[in-house]
């Protein structure tokens, strides 16, 4: 009975003889032969451990490569991925063990008495707080993307001549008949005052006065649990996070009221319509 390596050797040799019409051992055939090797589902760790390789530069190495490749494919932990099981982190047993959710923790109640805080409550707090933190991260990322867009738009508009009366494309009303807005008009919107600088100041105030304090409170130590308050306290009971208006998209921090406020920004709204500047046809 042929082994896998001897079988593949026979196939290669027979193919070579059929294509070249000559003995595979001949020097002319050996000199003109091109060997291409590709490996899929192989264990690189096993190759390195054994000191083997599937790099082929001769017939002897080709025979050896087949044997090496076949042996590494016997490892049940390697191969080509054909499917994956997606498990929510909240129900993943390894995550629950790392977060100590399998342990009963005692906390102080309103009367300062120790009472058990069930793993189910802690997991619910983590899910709720994690979703809240994710929403805040997305809001911060959107604001950073806005600043990047305004920087590029300002740079481009300063390079264009404001003597042109051609209309810019309204990106919100593409395909319709928008109001004609020229380079000079958009430049005035971006530069008087400098819009990107104001948006940077607004983001910095939002981060320093709301985002960072909220995240620091959520991560603060509580009963030596991994993640701290993220397990024991919902964000709706954290004073640093409990500024509902700060959750709204584009809300700005007001130092006078020590809270966020949401208002329409006509300067930024115009910039969004015509940035990145393109001339209409």
Foldseek 3Di string as FASTA:
>chain_A
DDDQLVVVLVVVQVVLCVVVVDHCPDPVSQVPDDDDDDAFFFDVVVCVVVVHDQDDDGSVSPSVNRVNRVVRNVPPVTGDDDDDDDDPLLPDPVNCVVQVLVDWDWDQDPVGDTDTDHSVQLSVLLVQQVVLLVLVVVLLVVLVVLLVLLVLQLVVLVPDDQVDQFFWAFVVPPPDDDDGDGSVNLNCLCVVPNPSVVSVVQSVQLCVLAVVVLQCVQQDADRNGHSHNSRVPHSCPPPSHVQVQSSDRPWGADPVVSGTDDDDDVSSVVNNRQPPTDGDD
